[in-house]
Protein backbone atom coordinates (compact mmCIF):
# COMPACT_ATOMS: atom_id res chain seq x y z
CA MET A 1 12.45 44.79 -16.85
CA GLU A 2 12.58 41.64 -14.70
CA PHE A 3 10.19 41.39 -11.79
CA ASP A 4 10.64 39.25 -8.68
CA PRO A 5 8.96 35.87 -9.31
CA ILE A 6 5.47 35.54 -7.86
CA LEU A 7 4.72 32.07 -9.27
CA VAL A 8 6.33 28.80 -8.20
CA HIS A 9 7.45 27.82 -11.72
CA GLU A 10 8.90 31.28 -12.38
CA TRP A 11 11.58 30.46 -9.82
CA LEU A 12 12.61 27.46 -11.92
CA ARG A 13 12.80 29.73 -14.97
CA ARG A 14 14.92 32.30 -13.12
CA THR A 15 17.32 29.74 -11.64
CA ALA A 16 17.64 27.96 -14.99
CA ARG A 17 18.68 31.23 -16.64
CA ARG A 18 21.13 31.96 -13.82
CA LEU A 19 22.57 28.45 -13.36
CA PRO A 20 21.66 26.51 -16.53
CA THR A 21 24.36 23.83 -16.24
CA LYS A 22 24.31 23.36 -12.46
CA THR A 23 22.95 20.03 -11.20
CA ALA A 24 19.48 20.51 -9.74
CA VAL A 25 18.35 16.92 -9.08
CA VAL A 26 20.28 13.69 -8.59
CA CYS A 27 18.15 10.53 -8.72
CA GLY A 28 19.85 7.17 -9.02
CA ASN A 29 22.18 7.35 -12.01
CA GLN A 30 20.42 10.42 -13.42
CA ARG A 31 21.73 13.96 -13.00
CA TRP A 32 19.51 16.77 -14.26
CA THR A 33 20.53 20.41 -14.55
CA PHE A 34 18.22 23.36 -13.97
CA GLY A 35 18.28 24.05 -17.69
CA GLN A 36 17.29 20.49 -18.58
CA ILE A 37 14.38 20.44 -16.10
CA ASP A 38 13.16 23.80 -17.37
CA GLU A 39 13.29 22.62 -20.99
CA ALA A 40 11.65 19.24 -20.32
CA SER A 41 8.82 20.77 -18.28
CA ASP A 42 8.26 23.34 -21.07
CA ARG A 43 7.90 20.52 -23.59
CA LEU A 44 5.52 18.55 -21.38
CA ALA A 45 3.40 21.63 -20.58
CA ARG A 46 3.01 22.48 -24.27
CA ALA A 47 2.08 18.89 -25.10
CA TRP A 48 -0.59 18.90 -22.39
CA MET A 49 -1.97 22.21 -23.63
CA ALA A 50 -2.11 20.88 -27.18
CA SER A 51 -4.03 17.87 -25.83
CA GLY A 52 -6.67 20.14 -24.31
CA MET A 53 -5.41 21.11 -20.86
CA LYS A 54 -6.78 24.46 -19.71
CA ARG A 55 -5.84 26.89 -16.97
CA HIS A 56 -6.91 25.65 -13.49
CA ASP A 57 -7.03 22.01 -14.67
CA ARG A 58 -5.46 19.50 -12.33
CA VAL A 59 -2.72 16.92 -12.77
CA ALA A 60 -2.38 13.88 -10.50
CA ILE A 61 1.13 12.46 -10.11
CA PHE A 62 1.23 8.93 -8.69
CA LEU A 63 4.87 7.82 -8.66
CA ASN A 64 7.74 7.13 -6.33
CA ASN A 65 10.32 9.89 -5.91
CA SER A 66 11.79 10.45 -9.38
CA ILE A 67 12.78 13.11 -11.89
CA GLU A 68 9.46 12.46 -13.65
CA VAL A 69 7.64 13.79 -10.59
CA VAL A 70 9.70 16.98 -10.62
CA ILE A 71 9.23 17.61 -14.35
CA SER A 72 5.50 16.83 -14.18
CA LEU A 73 4.74 19.18 -11.31
CA TYR A 74 6.51 22.11 -12.98
CA ALA A 75 4.87 21.30 -16.31
CA SER A 76 1.43 21.39 -14.71
CA LEU A 77 2.18 24.84 -13.26
CA LYS A 78 3.48 26.20 -16.57
CA ALA A 79 0.30 25.02 -18.28
CA GLY A 80 -1.68 27.04 -15.74
CA GLY A 81 -2.75 24.02 -13.73
CA THR A 82 -2.64 22.61 -10.23
CA PHE A 83 -0.68 19.47 -9.34
CA ALA A 84 -1.10 16.86 -6.64
CA VAL A 85 1.65 14.35 -5.86
CA LEU A 86 -0.13 11.35 -4.38
CA ASP A 87 1.23 8.93 -1.80
CA PRO A 88 2.73 6.05 -3.83
CA ALA A 89 1.74 3.61 -1.09
CA ILE A 90 -2.02 4.22 -1.17
CA LYS A 91 -4.38 1.42 -2.19
CA PRO A 92 -6.80 1.38 -5.15
CA PRO A 93 -9.99 2.41 -3.26
CA LYS A 94 -8.28 5.49 -1.79
CA LEU A 95 -6.70 6.39 -5.13
CA ARG A 96 -10.11 6.10 -6.79
CA ALA A 97 -11.68 8.39 -4.17
CA ILE A 98 -8.98 11.02 -4.65
CA LEU A 99 -9.23 10.92 -8.45
CA GLU A 100 -13.02 11.21 -8.32
CA GLU A 101 -12.69 14.26 -6.05
CA MET A 102 -9.87 15.87 -8.06
CA ALA A 103 -11.26 15.13 -11.54
CA PRO A 104 -7.76 15.53 -13.01
CA PHE A 105 -7.10 16.31 -16.66
CA ALA A 106 -3.98 14.14 -16.60
CA LEU A 107 -2.62 11.29 -14.49
CA VAL A 108 1.10 10.53 -14.50
CA SER A 109 1.92 7.06 -13.20
CA GLY A 110 3.57 3.75 -14.00
CA GLY A 111 6.16 1.36 -12.65
CA THR A 112 5.09 -0.34 -9.43
CA GLN A 113 1.94 1.82 -9.34
CA THR A 114 0.60 0.57 -12.69
CA GLU A 115 -1.62 -2.21 -11.35
CA ILE A 116 -2.95 0.03 -8.57
CA VAL A 117 -4.02 2.56 -11.21
CA ARG A 118 -5.72 -0.14 -13.30
CA GLU A 119 -7.71 -1.40 -10.35
CA ALA A 120 -8.60 2.11 -9.19
CA LEU A 121 -9.86 3.23 -12.60
CA GLY A 122 -11.68 0.03 -13.43
CA THR A 123 -13.83 0.31 -16.53
CA SER A 124 -16.01 3.23 -15.49
CA PHE A 125 -13.65 6.06 -14.57
CA ARG A 126 -12.05 8.13 -17.32
CA VAL A 127 -9.08 10.49 -17.16
CA ALA A 128 -8.57 12.71 -20.21
CA LEU A 129 -4.88 11.81 -20.49
CA ILE A 130 -2.78 9.12 -18.78
CA VAL A 131 0.99 9.35 -19.06
CA TRP A 132 2.73 6.04 -18.35
CA VAL A 133 6.29 6.20 -17.03
CA GLY A 134 8.64 3.29 -17.62
CA GLY A 135 6.46 1.29 -19.98
CA ASP A 136 5.52 0.89 -23.62
CA ARG A 137 1.89 1.77 -24.32
CA ARG A 138 1.78 -0.71 -27.19
CA GLU A 139 2.43 -3.52 -24.73
CA GLU A 140 -0.32 -2.38 -22.40
CA ARG A 141 -3.26 -4.53 -23.53
CA SER A 142 -5.77 -2.84 -21.25
CA ALA A 143 -4.36 0.67 -21.52
CA PRO A 144 -7.09 3.30 -22.00
CA GLU A 145 -7.34 4.94 -25.40
CA THR A 146 -6.12 8.18 -23.85
CA SER A 147 -2.80 6.64 -22.73
CA VAL A 148 0.62 7.78 -23.93
CA THR A 149 4.10 6.98 -22.69
CA TRP A 150 6.36 9.41 -20.90
CA GLU A 151 8.88 9.19 -23.75
CA GLU A 152 6.23 10.13 -26.31
CA ILE A 153 4.99 13.24 -24.56
CA ALA A 154 7.81 14.52 -22.35
CA ILE A 155 11.15 13.39 -23.69
CA GLY A 156 10.73 12.55 -27.36
CA GLU A 157 9.06 14.40 -30.19
CA PRO A 158 5.63 16.00 -29.64
CA LEU A 159 2.61 13.77 -30.20
CA GLU A 160 1.62 15.57 -33.38
CA GLN A 161 3.38 17.87 -35.78
CA GLY A 162 3.32 21.43 -34.53
CA GLN A 163 2.33 20.46 -31.02
CA GLY A 164 5.48 21.99 -29.54
CA SER A 165 4.45 25.48 -30.71
CA ALA A 166 1.07 25.54 -29.00
CA GLY A 167 0.95 29.24 -28.11
CA ASP A 168 2.22 31.01 -25.03
CA PHE A 169 1.75 29.63 -21.55
CA PRO A 170 -1.28 30.98 -19.66
CA ARG A 171 -0.85 34.14 -17.63
CA CYS A 172 -1.42 33.23 -13.97
CA ILE A 173 -1.45 35.21 -10.75
CA ASP A 174 -0.25 34.32 -7.25
CA VAL A 175 -3.71 33.57 -5.83
CA ASP A 176 -4.15 30.73 -8.34
CA LEU A 177 -3.84 27.26 -6.85
CA ALA A 178 -0.40 25.72 -7.29
CA CYS A 179 -0.99 22.34 -5.66
CA LEU A 180 -3.24 20.10 -3.63
CA VAL A 181 -1.53 18.31 -0.74
CA TYR A 182 -3.51 15.21 0.15
CA THR A 183 -3.26 14.14 3.75
CA SER A 184 -5.24 11.65 5.79
CA GLY A 185 -7.45 13.19 8.44
CA SER A 186 -9.69 12.41 11.36
CA ARG A 187 -12.63 11.99 8.97
CA GLY A 188 -11.14 8.72 7.72
CA ARG A 189 -10.69 9.82 4.09
CA PRO A 190 -8.01 11.90 2.39
CA LYS A 191 -8.44 15.66 2.29
CA GLY A 192 -6.87 17.89 -0.34
CA ILE A 193 -5.31 21.02 1.11
CA MET A 194 -5.41 23.89 -1.39
CA CYS A 195 -2.14 25.81 -1.69
CA SER A 196 -1.86 28.97 -3.77
CA HIS A 197 1.37 30.11 -5.40
CA HIS A 198 1.57 32.88 -2.79
CA ASN A 199 1.16 30.37 0.06
CA VAL A 200 3.92 28.12 -1.27
CA ILE A 201 6.42 30.90 -1.96
CA SER A 202 5.75 32.57 1.40
CA ALA A 203 6.41 29.33 3.27
CA CYS A 204 9.52 28.60 1.19
CA ARG A 205 11.00 32.04 1.81
CA SER A 206 10.54 31.81 5.57
CA ILE A 207 12.05 28.32 5.81
CA ILE A 208 14.98 29.16 3.52
CA GLN A 209 15.64 32.21 5.67
CA TYR A 210 15.95 30.44 9.01
CA LEU A 211 17.79 27.41 7.59
CA GLY A 212 20.24 29.74 5.87
CA ASN A 213 20.05 27.79 2.61
CA ARG A 214 22.42 28.77 -0.19
CA GLU A 215 23.48 27.59 -3.66
CA GLU A 216 26.15 25.31 -2.21
CA ASP A 217 23.58 23.24 -0.29
CA VAL A 218 22.95 19.64 -1.32
CA VAL A 219 19.84 18.19 0.34
CA MET A 220 19.18 14.48 0.79
CA CYS A 221 15.46 13.76 0.32
CA VAL A 222 14.23 10.30 1.32
CA ILE A 223 10.81 11.69 2.29
CA PRO A 224 8.15 10.96 -0.37
CA LEU A 225 7.29 14.04 -2.46
CA SER A 226 3.62 13.31 -1.73
CA PHE A 227 4.30 14.67 1.77
CA ASP A 228 4.75 18.42 1.96
CA TYR A 229 7.97 17.89 3.96
CA GLY A 230 9.50 16.10 0.98
CA LEU A 231 7.90 18.25 -1.70
CA TYR A 232 9.25 21.49 -0.27
CA GLN A 233 12.82 20.17 -0.36
CA VAL A 234 12.52 20.32 -4.16
CA LEU A 235 10.58 23.60 -4.35
CA MET A 236 12.96 25.39 -1.99
CA SER A 237 16.19 24.11 -3.56
CA ILE A 238 15.07 25.27 -6.99
CA MET A 239 14.34 28.70 -5.52
CA TYR A 240 17.79 29.14 -3.96
CA GLY A 241 19.73 27.17 -6.57
CA GLY A 242 20.76 24.14 -4.52
CA THR A 243 20.81 20.45 -5.38
CA VAL A 244 18.41 17.72 -4.23
CA VAL A 245 19.42 14.06 -4.02
CA LEU A 246 16.14 12.17 -4.48
CA VAL A 247 15.78 8.64 -3.12
CA ALA A 248 12.81 6.55 -4.26
CA GLY A 249 12.34 4.79 -0.91
CA LEU A 250 14.18 4.17 2.32
CA VAL A 251 14.68 0.41 2.51
CA TYR A 252 18.32 0.16 3.54
CA LEU A 253 20.15 2.89 5.40
CA TYR A 254 23.71 2.05 4.32
CA PRO A 255 23.30 3.25 0.69
CA ILE A 256 21.83 6.53 1.98
CA LEU A 257 24.82 7.14 4.24
CA GLY A 258 27.12 6.35 1.35
CA LEU A 259 25.32 8.93 -0.80
CA ILE A 260 25.72 11.57 1.90
CA ALA A 261 29.49 11.22 1.58
CA LYS A 262 29.56 10.78 -2.21
CA GLU A 263 27.33 13.78 -3.02
CA ARG A 264 28.71 15.91 -0.18
CA VAL A 265 25.24 16.35 1.29
CA THR A 266 24.80 19.40 3.54
CA GLY A 267 21.15 19.02 4.61
CA PHE A 268 19.29 15.89 5.75
CA PRO A 269 15.53 16.16 6.56
CA ILE A 270 14.47 13.27 8.78
CA VAL A 271 11.53 11.91 10.79
CA PRO A 272 11.81 10.11 14.16
CA SER A 273 11.86 6.63 12.60
CA ILE A 274 14.85 7.56 10.41
CA LEU A 275 16.71 8.86 13.44
CA GLU A 276 16.00 5.62 15.31
CA MET A 277 17.50 3.67 12.41
CA LEU A 278 20.57 5.92 12.42
CA LEU A 279 21.16 5.62 16.14
CA SER A 280 20.78 1.83 16.02
CA LEU A 281 23.83 1.53 13.74
CA LYS A 282 26.88 0.42 15.67
CA THR A 283 29.02 1.60 12.75
CA LEU A 284 27.51 5.11 12.55
CA ARG A 285 30.79 6.80 13.40
CA ASP A 286 32.52 4.96 10.55
CA PHE A 287 30.62 6.95 7.92
CA ASP A 288 31.74 10.29 6.53
CA PHE A 289 29.38 13.07 7.67
CA GLY A 290 31.96 15.81 7.24
CA SER A 291 29.88 17.69 4.65
CA LEU A 292 26.65 17.60 6.67
CA ARG A 293 25.71 21.06 7.95
CA TYR A 294 22.20 20.53 9.32
CA MET A 295 19.41 18.03 9.99
CA THR A 296 15.73 18.89 10.35
CA ASN A 297 12.72 17.23 11.91
CA THR A 298 9.08 18.27 11.78
CA GLY A 299 5.67 16.81 12.57
CA ALA A 300 6.25 14.38 15.43
CA ALA A 301 8.75 15.55 18.03
CA LEU A 302 12.05 13.75 18.41
CA PRO A 303 12.43 11.92 21.75
CA GLU A 304 14.77 13.93 23.99
CA ARG A 305 16.99 10.90 24.54
CA ASN A 306 17.50 10.54 20.78
CA ILE A 307 18.33 14.23 20.47
CA ARG A 308 21.08 13.81 23.07
CA LEU A 309 22.44 10.72 21.30
CA LEU A 310 22.42 12.49 17.93
CA ARG A 311 24.20 15.52 19.35
CA SER A 312 26.82 13.22 20.85
CA ALA A 313 27.33 11.25 17.62
CA LEU A 314 27.36 14.26 15.25
CA PRO A 315 28.26 17.31 17.36
CA HIS A 316 29.14 19.45 14.31
CA VAL A 317 25.65 19.07 12.77
CA ALA A 318 23.03 21.75 13.51
CA VAL A 319 19.74 20.11 14.54
CA TYR A 320 16.53 22.02 13.77
CA SER A 321 13.54 20.83 15.78
CA MET A 322 10.46 22.16 14.01
CA PHE A 323 6.69 21.94 14.04
CA GLY A 324 4.40 22.11 11.07
CA LEU A 325 1.01 21.27 9.63
CA SER A 326 0.18 20.53 6.01
CA GLU A 327 -2.43 23.28 6.29
CA CYS A 328 0.27 25.93 6.74
CA LYS A 329 3.43 23.99 5.89
CA ARG A 330 5.55 25.15 8.83
CA VAL A 331 4.82 26.96 12.08
CA SER A 332 7.90 27.12 14.27
CA PHE A 333 11.56 26.18 14.64
CA LEU A 334 14.03 25.95 17.49
CA PRO A 335 17.43 27.51 16.69
CA PRO A 336 20.12 24.81 16.89
CA SER A 337 21.92 26.83 19.57
CA GLN A 338 18.98 26.12 21.88
CA ILE A 339 18.53 22.38 21.25
CA ASP A 340 20.65 21.28 24.22
CA ARG A 341 18.93 23.69 26.59
CA LEU A 342 15.37 23.10 25.33
CA PRO A 343 15.26 19.63 23.73
CA GLY A 344 11.52 19.33 24.37
CA SER A 345 10.62 22.56 22.57
CA VAL A 346 9.78 23.25 18.92
CA GLY A 347 10.87 26.85 19.33
CA ARG A 348 9.15 30.04 18.29
CA PRO A 349 7.10 31.00 15.21
CA MET A 350 9.09 31.17 11.98
CA PRO A 351 9.46 34.50 10.09
CA ASN A 352 6.17 36.02 8.93
CA CYS A 353 4.07 33.59 10.97
CA GLU A 354 2.10 34.26 14.16
CA VAL A 355 0.93 31.76 16.76
CA LEU A 356 -1.78 32.27 19.38
CA LEU A 357 -2.51 29.81 22.18
CA LEU A 358 -6.20 30.09 23.03
CA ASP A 359 -8.44 28.52 25.66
CA GLU A 360 -11.93 27.23 24.95
CA SER A 361 -13.39 30.72 25.32
CA GLY A 362 -10.99 32.14 22.73
CA GLN A 363 -8.74 33.96 25.20
CA GLU A 364 -4.96 33.75 25.08
CA VAL A 365 -3.50 31.59 27.84
CA PRO A 366 -0.56 32.74 29.98
CA PRO A 367 2.85 31.01 29.82
CA GLY A 368 2.70 27.53 31.32
CA ASP A 369 -1.00 26.99 30.59
CA ILE A 370 -2.21 24.78 27.74
CA GLY A 371 -4.09 26.25 24.79
CA GLU A 372 -5.01 25.36 21.22
CA MET A 373 -2.52 26.55 18.61
CA VAL A 374 -4.06 29.08 16.23
CA VAL A 375 -1.93 30.15 13.26
CA ARG A 376 -1.93 33.34 11.17
CA GLY A 377 0.24 34.19 8.16
CA SER A 378 0.59 34.17 4.40
CA ASN A 379 1.75 30.54 4.63
CA LEU A 380 -1.80 29.61 5.66
CA MET A 381 -3.40 27.50 2.95
CA GLN A 382 -6.76 28.21 1.34
CA GLY A 383 -8.80 25.36 2.78
CA TYR A 384 -9.89 21.87 1.75
CA TRP A 385 -10.69 20.96 -1.84
CA GLN A 386 -14.42 20.40 -2.41
CA ASP A 387 -15.16 20.60 1.33
CA ALA A 388 -16.42 24.03 2.36
CA GLN A 389 -18.03 22.66 5.53
CA PHE A 390 -14.81 21.24 6.93
CA THR A 391 -12.91 24.34 5.81
CA ASP A 392 -15.31 26.57 7.76
CA ALA A 393 -14.88 24.39 10.83
CA VAL A 394 -11.10 24.85 10.88
CA TYR A 395 -10.41 28.21 9.16
CA HIS A 396 -11.94 31.29 10.79
CA THR A 397 -11.90 34.84 9.39
CA GLY A 398 -10.80 37.63 11.71
CA SER A 399 -11.51 41.33 11.32
CA TYR A 400 -10.83 41.40 7.54
CA PRO A 401 -10.81 38.80 4.73
CA GLU A 402 -7.03 38.12 4.72
CA ASP A 403 -7.02 37.82 8.51
CA ARG A 404 -7.65 34.09 8.32
CA ARG A 405 -6.83 31.85 11.25
CA LEU A 406 -6.20 28.13 11.35
CA TYR A 407 -7.47 26.34 14.45
CA SER A 408 -5.01 23.47 14.45
CA GLY A 409 -6.48 21.19 17.11
CA ASP A 410 -2.95 20.91 18.56
CA LEU A 411 -2.43 21.76 22.21
CA PHE A 412 0.67 23.70 23.25
CA SER A 413 2.07 25.63 26.16
CA SER A 414 4.79 28.27 26.09
CA ASP A 415 7.50 29.38 28.47
CA PRO A 416 8.07 33.04 29.45
CA GLU A 417 10.46 33.40 26.48
CA GLY A 418 7.74 32.33 24.03
CA ASN A 419 9.17 28.89 23.23
CA LEU A 420 6.46 26.37 22.31
CA PHE A 421 5.97 22.91 23.82
CA PHE A 422 3.65 20.34 22.26
CA ARG A 423 1.13 18.92 24.76
CA GLY A 424 -1.13 16.78 22.57
CA ARG A 425 -4.08 16.87 20.22
CA ARG A 426 -7.37 18.37 21.29
CA ASP A 427 -9.19 15.25 20.07
CA ASP A 428 -6.63 13.04 21.89
CA MET A 429 -7.60 14.45 25.28
CA ILE A 430 -8.58 11.70 27.71
CA LYS A 431 -11.70 12.15 29.86
CA CYS A 432 -10.84 10.17 32.99
CA ARG A 433 -12.96 10.32 36.14
CA GLY A 434 -14.51 13.56 34.99
CA GLU A 435 -11.16 15.27 34.35
CA ARG A 436 -9.54 16.16 31.03
CA VAL A 437 -6.09 14.60 30.85
CA SER A 438 -3.46 15.51 28.25
CA PRO A 439 -1.61 12.37 27.05
CA ARG A 440 1.48 14.50 26.54
CA GLU A 441 1.51 15.52 30.19
CA VAL A 442 1.66 11.87 31.27
CA GLU A 443 4.22 11.00 28.58
CA LEU A 444 6.59 13.74 29.72
CA VAL A 445 6.52 12.46 33.28
CA ILE A 446 7.26 8.85 32.30
CA GLN A 447 10.04 9.97 29.93
CA GLN A 448 11.87 11.42 32.92
CA MET A 449 12.56 7.91 34.21
CA GLU A 450 16.03 6.52 33.64
CA GLY A 451 16.00 3.71 31.08
CA ILE A 452 12.91 4.90 29.17
CA GLU A 453 13.44 5.36 25.43
CA GLU A 454 9.90 6.26 24.31
CA VAL A 455 6.38 6.36 25.61
CA ALA A 456 2.92 6.95 24.16
CA VAL A 457 -0.29 7.39 26.15
CA LYS A 458 -3.79 6.64 24.91
CA GLY A 459 -7.27 6.44 26.43
CA ILE A 460 -9.52 3.39 26.00
CA PRO A 461 -13.22 3.05 26.92
CA ASP A 462 -13.76 2.00 30.52
CA ASP A 463 -17.00 1.49 32.47
CA PHE A 464 -15.59 2.92 35.70
CA ASP A 465 -13.28 5.74 34.58
CA GLY A 466 -15.06 6.70 31.36
CA GLN A 467 -11.66 6.34 29.73
CA ALA A 468 -8.79 4.40 31.23
CA ILE A 469 -5.26 5.69 30.67
CA VAL A 470 -2.86 3.26 28.99
CA ALA A 471 0.89 3.90 28.78
CA PHE A 472 2.86 2.10 26.05
CA VAL A 473 6.52 2.06 27.06
CA VAL A 474 9.71 1.26 25.14
CA SER A 475 12.72 0.59 27.36
CA ALA A 476 16.18 1.74 26.37
CA PRO A 477 18.50 -1.06 25.20
CA GLY A 478 19.86 -3.00 28.17
CA SER A 479 17.32 -1.59 30.65
CA ARG A 480 14.85 -3.62 32.67
CA ILE A 481 12.00 -1.62 34.10
CA GLU A 482 9.17 -3.07 36.16
CA VAL A 483 5.54 -2.03 35.84
CA GLU A 484 5.35 -1.07 39.51
CA ALA A 485 8.38 1.19 39.13
CA VAL A 486 6.56 3.13 36.41
CA ARG A 487 3.43 3.39 38.53
CA ALA A 488 5.41 4.57 41.56
CA HIS A 489 7.18 7.21 39.46
CA CYS A 490 3.83 8.46 38.09
CA ALA A 491 2.38 8.61 41.61
CA ARG A 492 5.18 10.97 42.64
CA PHE A 493 4.45 13.51 39.93
CA LEU A 494 0.84 13.05 38.79
CA GLU A 495 -2.58 13.41 40.37
CA LYS A 496 -4.48 10.18 40.89
CA ALA A 497 -6.72 10.64 37.83
CA ARG A 498 -3.63 11.00 35.61
CA ILE A 499 -1.82 7.83 36.69
CA PRO A 500 -2.04 5.15 33.95
CA ARG A 501 -4.37 2.28 34.80
CA HIS A 502 -2.53 0.01 32.34
CA ILE A 503 1.15 -0.14 31.40
CA ARG A 504 2.31 -2.17 28.45
CA PHE A 505 5.91 -2.67 27.33
CA LEU A 506 6.64 -2.83 23.59
CA ASP A 507 9.77 -3.37 21.53
CA ARG A 508 8.92 -0.25 19.52
CA LEU A 509 6.01 2.11 18.92
CA PRO A 510 4.11 1.75 15.63
CA ARG A 511 4.41 4.76 13.34
CA THR A 512 2.60 6.17 10.34
CA ALA A 513 4.30 6.78 7.00
CA ARG A 514 4.93 10.35 8.17
CA GLY A 515 6.89 9.15 11.18
CA LYS A 516 4.23 10.00 13.75
CA ILE A 517 3.22 7.52 16.45
CA ASP A 518 0.17 5.58 15.25
CA ARG A 519 -1.94 5.73 18.40
CA ASP A 520 -4.88 3.88 16.88
CA ARG A 521 -2.73 0.81 16.17
CA LEU A 522 -1.45 0.90 19.74
CA VAL A 523 -4.77 -0.12 21.23
CA LEU A 524 -5.56 -2.94 18.79
CA GLY A 525 -5.78 -6.26 20.60
CA MET A 526 -5.55 -4.66 24.05
CA GLU A 527 -7.98 -7.05 25.70
CA GLY A 528 -6.24 -9.26 28.23
CA LYS A 529 -2.78 -7.98 27.36
CA THR A 530 -2.32 -4.99 29.66
CA GLN A 531 -0.69 -5.02 33.05
């Protein structure tokens, strides 16, 4: 009797049995089938177990997007462990802090990350097993005694005779942790979000359902697998039997567009910065996007102007505007049929997810009013690794243990139909002249001006106002907008306390690696430069 998979790696096993010779991952010149990934991750899992890995042990993966990341994460699950794919761009001190907190059994790294690992580990920190990718251990003069190469442990023969027959894989259940997703937070250090197998599969099922994914889908993934947005492209495609085209890093856009045509890509997850790059290409219409069925965006909202330009350039492509948090993966989506009517909305809650908008007293707010987004559902993660205090501050239990609620800190309003509109972060609220001002409210007003491409609003300390409102404005190409014109426009639609004191024009807004506007960088060097 075959039961429905309840563990993340069981979906790989099922798909590999069903579609053993179908291409699962394309990465550079490599093409791996489901059967090959299943076999390689089996071999790696057994080698780790023979080296001493136990159920619930953790594996840190510190590499650029590659097939080694995919094989390693499934191997860690098969061995009964928990994986964490770490941001390949982090610096040694942050890597050291994460490794100290995780205490991983194994670390998989190499290539351009090799020197970062050396500096992070130093001489005092020990990992039970280090697997080097793309290097020869014998040439590594300072390699720890516990080092092996990827070829020795994952691709070639087992490390020792008989290692490949190291018993059955551990029996796990769906409440076991599948992965830690490390994300930077307001506390100034990374936080590991604990995701159980049940959490991951629940989120995958809901997203696959509303995207309508099927075996024929080929998804282009330029998002690092250290971000949940990138990671889930792999996890979901292996569940439904699709193909992922993995790109190690987005440096030049032209090769990516060529791959879309060559691999007949049907799905393209993006962030706002990628869309800006696309729309800046004068030759965009010269590329073949005939296979492309949909594009998605999550996290930071796409500027409405860019949505209109994208719809004009690629009218046959369905655009999914979505909202998500690493703590629950995904919250809502706007059906593509509504994108032209509601370009500023991130839609309604996805299947099997509930959203409440609450005021400061915990009461639901009526349509049009702003409230904090509170999320319920089986996609809700377990909390923060080794940080019960911060977990308790964000996750609240309702009337029974599984009725857990995530207080997101994000401020939203809804329309009478239940569509959600992002209004800002609770901790981004500006206290100006005794009033609480939502940056998003001011941004939306300024964005209504003709010739405005993007705007971000931030508060800075001010002796008179408490916080002064600063608007950072990016003009559309070919537009010339005066400071006084922006102020006059704001005065027409905003109360006096909400009108920006300072207006600064920029060529572009700085963004984080996740594509969100980096508001902290905006205010650096403000003194004497505002208008």
